[in-house]
Protein backbone atom coordinates (compact mmCIF):
# COMPACT_ATOMS: atom_id res chain seq x y z
CA MET A 1 14.07 -14.69 -17.01
CA ASN A 2 11.30 -17.05 -15.99
CA LYS A 3 8.34 -17.21 -18.30
CA LEU A 4 5.29 -16.31 -16.27
CA MET A 5 2.71 -17.36 -18.83
CA ASP A 6 2.08 -18.24 -22.44
CA VAL A 7 -0.24 -15.94 -24.34
CA VAL A 8 -2.25 -18.24 -26.58
CA ALA A 9 -4.44 -15.69 -28.33
CA VAL A 10 -5.33 -12.03 -28.66
CA VAL A 11 -8.87 -11.06 -29.62
CA ASP A 12 -10.03 -7.69 -30.91
CA ARG A 13 -12.81 -6.63 -33.26
CA ASN A 14 -10.38 -4.27 -34.97
CA ASP A 15 -7.87 -6.08 -37.21
CA ASP A 16 -5.61 -3.03 -37.05
CA ALA A 17 -5.56 -2.79 -33.25
CA PRO A 18 -2.03 -2.49 -31.80
CA GLY A 19 -2.50 -5.65 -29.71
CA ILE A 20 -3.52 -7.67 -32.77
CA LYS A 21 -0.54 -6.37 -34.75
CA ALA A 22 1.88 -7.13 -31.90
CA ALA A 23 0.42 -10.62 -31.46
CA ARG A 24 0.81 -11.37 -35.16
CA ASP A 25 4.42 -10.15 -35.06
CA MET A 26 5.08 -12.55 -32.19
CA GLY A 27 3.33 -15.48 -33.85
CA ILE A 28 0.42 -15.48 -31.41
CA GLN A 29 -3.00 -16.55 -32.68
CA THR A 30 -5.42 -13.68 -33.30
CA SER A 31 -9.14 -13.49 -33.88
CA ASN A 32 -12.05 -11.07 -34.08
CA HIS A 33 -14.16 -13.14 -31.69
CA TRP A 34 -13.29 -14.97 -28.48
CA ARG A 35 -15.36 -18.03 -29.40
CA ASP A 36 -12.80 -18.82 -32.13
CA VAL A 37 -9.96 -19.23 -29.61
CA LEU A 38 -11.60 -20.39 -26.37
CA THR A 39 -10.48 -23.87 -25.30
CA ASP A 40 -10.57 -25.82 -22.05
CA ASP A 41 -6.76 -25.53 -21.85
CA ILE A 42 -6.88 -21.81 -21.08
CA ASP A 43 -6.22 -21.01 -17.41
CA VAL A 44 -6.64 -17.21 -17.44
CA ILE A 45 -8.60 -14.82 -19.63
CA VAL A 46 -8.10 -11.08 -19.33
CA GLU A 47 -11.33 -9.39 -20.46
CA VAL A 48 -10.59 -5.77 -21.33
CA THR A 49 -13.74 -4.55 -23.06
CA GLY A 50 -15.26 -3.28 -19.82
CA ASP A 51 -18.60 -4.71 -20.97
CA ASP A 52 -20.28 -6.57 -18.09
CA ASP A 53 -22.26 -8.75 -20.52
CA VAL A 54 -19.08 -9.89 -22.31
CA PHE A 55 -17.46 -10.63 -18.95
CA ALA A 56 -20.45 -12.69 -17.77
CA THR A 57 -20.67 -14.56 -21.09
CA LEU A 58 -16.95 -15.40 -20.98
CA ARG A 59 -17.26 -16.71 -17.42
CA LYS A 60 -20.15 -18.97 -18.43
CA ALA A 61 -18.49 -20.21 -21.63
CA SER A 62 -15.05 -20.91 -20.19
CA ALA A 63 -13.97 -24.06 -18.36
CA ALA A 64 -14.61 -24.29 -14.62
CA HIS A 65 -10.89 -23.90 -13.80
CA THR A 66 -10.48 -20.82 -16.03
CA VAL A 67 -10.15 -17.50 -14.22
CA VAL A 68 -11.64 -14.51 -16.04
CA ILE A 69 -9.98 -11.28 -14.92
CA PRO A 70 -11.64 -7.93 -15.57
CA GLY A 71 -9.45 -5.44 -17.43
CA ASP A 72 -9.29 -2.91 -14.60
CA ILE A 73 -7.89 -5.57 -12.26
CA ALA A 74 -5.41 -6.66 -14.95
CA TYR A 75 -4.30 -3.03 -15.29
CA ILE A 76 -3.68 -2.78 -11.55
CA ILE A 77 -1.70 -6.03 -11.59
CA ALA A 78 0.37 -4.79 -14.54
CA GLN A 79 1.12 -1.53 -12.70
CA LEU A 80 2.19 -3.45 -9.58
CA VAL A 81 4.45 -5.74 -11.62
CA GLU A 82 6.02 -2.71 -13.31
CA GLU A 83 6.60 -1.05 -9.92
CA LYS A 84 8.13 -4.27 -8.60
CA GLU A 85 10.51 -4.44 -11.57
CA GLN A 86 11.55 -0.81 -11.01
CA LEU A 87 12.15 -1.45 -7.31
CA ILE A 88 14.23 -4.53 -8.09
CA ALA A 89 16.34 -2.54 -10.56
CA THR A 90 16.85 0.21 -7.97
CA LEU A 91 17.79 -2.35 -5.33
CA LYS A 92 20.28 -4.04 -7.68
CA THR A 93 21.92 -0.70 -8.42
CA ALA A 94 22.16 0.19 -4.74
CA THR A 95 23.47 -3.27 -3.87
CA THR A 96 26.14 -3.03 -6.57
CA LYS A 97 27.28 0.34 -5.21
CA HIS A 98 27.38 -0.94 -1.63
CA ASP A 99 29.27 -4.07 -2.67
CA LEU A 100 31.81 -1.98 -4.56
CA ILE A 101 32.46 0.19 -1.51
CA PHE A 102 32.39 -2.76 0.91
CA HIS A 103 34.89 -4.81 -1.08
CA SER A 104 37.24 -2.02 -2.18
CA THR A 105 37.86 -0.25 1.14
CA HIS A 106 41.12 -0.95 2.94
CA ASP A 107 39.32 -0.96 6.28
CA GLY A 108 38.23 -4.32 7.55
CA MET A 109 34.45 -4.59 7.70
CA ILE A 110 32.11 -7.31 8.90
CA VAL A 111 28.32 -7.29 8.88
CA ILE A 112 26.49 -8.79 11.82
CA ASP A 113 22.77 -9.53 11.77
CA GLU A 114 20.29 -8.78 14.55
CA ARG A 115 21.05 -12.15 16.21
CA GLY A 116 24.79 -11.44 16.40
CA PHE A 117 25.85 -13.70 13.51
CA VAL A 118 28.33 -12.63 10.85
CA THR A 119 26.64 -12.39 7.42
CA HIS A 120 29.32 -10.63 5.35
CA MET A 121 33.00 -9.87 5.58
CA ASN A 122 35.19 -7.89 3.23
CA PRO A 123 38.65 -9.01 2.05
CA SER A 124 40.44 -6.49 4.31
CA ALA A 125 38.83 -7.98 7.41
CA GLU A 126 39.73 -11.45 6.25
CA LYS A 127 43.40 -10.64 5.57
CA ASN A 128 44.33 -8.00 8.11
CA ASP A 129 41.90 -7.85 11.01
CA LEU A 130 40.60 -11.32 11.78
CA GLU A 131 43.27 -13.38 10.05
CA LYS A 132 40.60 -15.99 9.41
CA GLU A 133 39.06 -17.11 6.16
CA LYS A 134 35.51 -16.07 5.29
CA LYS A 135 34.27 -19.65 5.43
CA GLU A 136 35.42 -19.86 9.08
CA VAL A 137 33.58 -16.68 10.05
CA ILE A 138 30.37 -16.34 7.99
CA GLY A 139 27.40 -17.84 9.83
CA ASN A 140 29.10 -17.85 13.21
CA ALA A 141 28.27 -15.68 16.19
CA TYR A 142 30.40 -12.54 16.29
CA PHE A 143 32.22 -13.50 19.51
CA ALA A 144 32.96 -16.97 18.14
CA CYS A 145 35.18 -15.30 15.52
CA TYR A 146 37.73 -14.39 18.17
CA SER A 147 37.61 -17.58 20.20
CA SER A 148 40.41 -20.09 19.85
């Protein structure tokens, strides 16, 4: 899995907040005030207090390249990422099922894209129907498969 970002610090006034506890467990720096952890190396700050004054102060105090994201926007982004992950998992499951059927049937099957080019071919088509190897067929126009 690609690492999207490094979390450098978690800030909360409450030392017993779940985010603070989780950060400590993961070895991430924690603090009760953002001024203790703000550096020019930080690219993104997610401000989740919902306090407009805190948001404005963070924007002024952070480096020019630092993006300060309001918590409600971060929540929406997190929901979209979660939905994307669920859709990818669903797609992988469906693809696995289709591949299993495609490769295990005794009927020869080829898949042709909208331009007429062969994109997939199952082993039965390779052995029995076309009598050509996959590498000779994939990427070629459908009619080219039968030409001599």
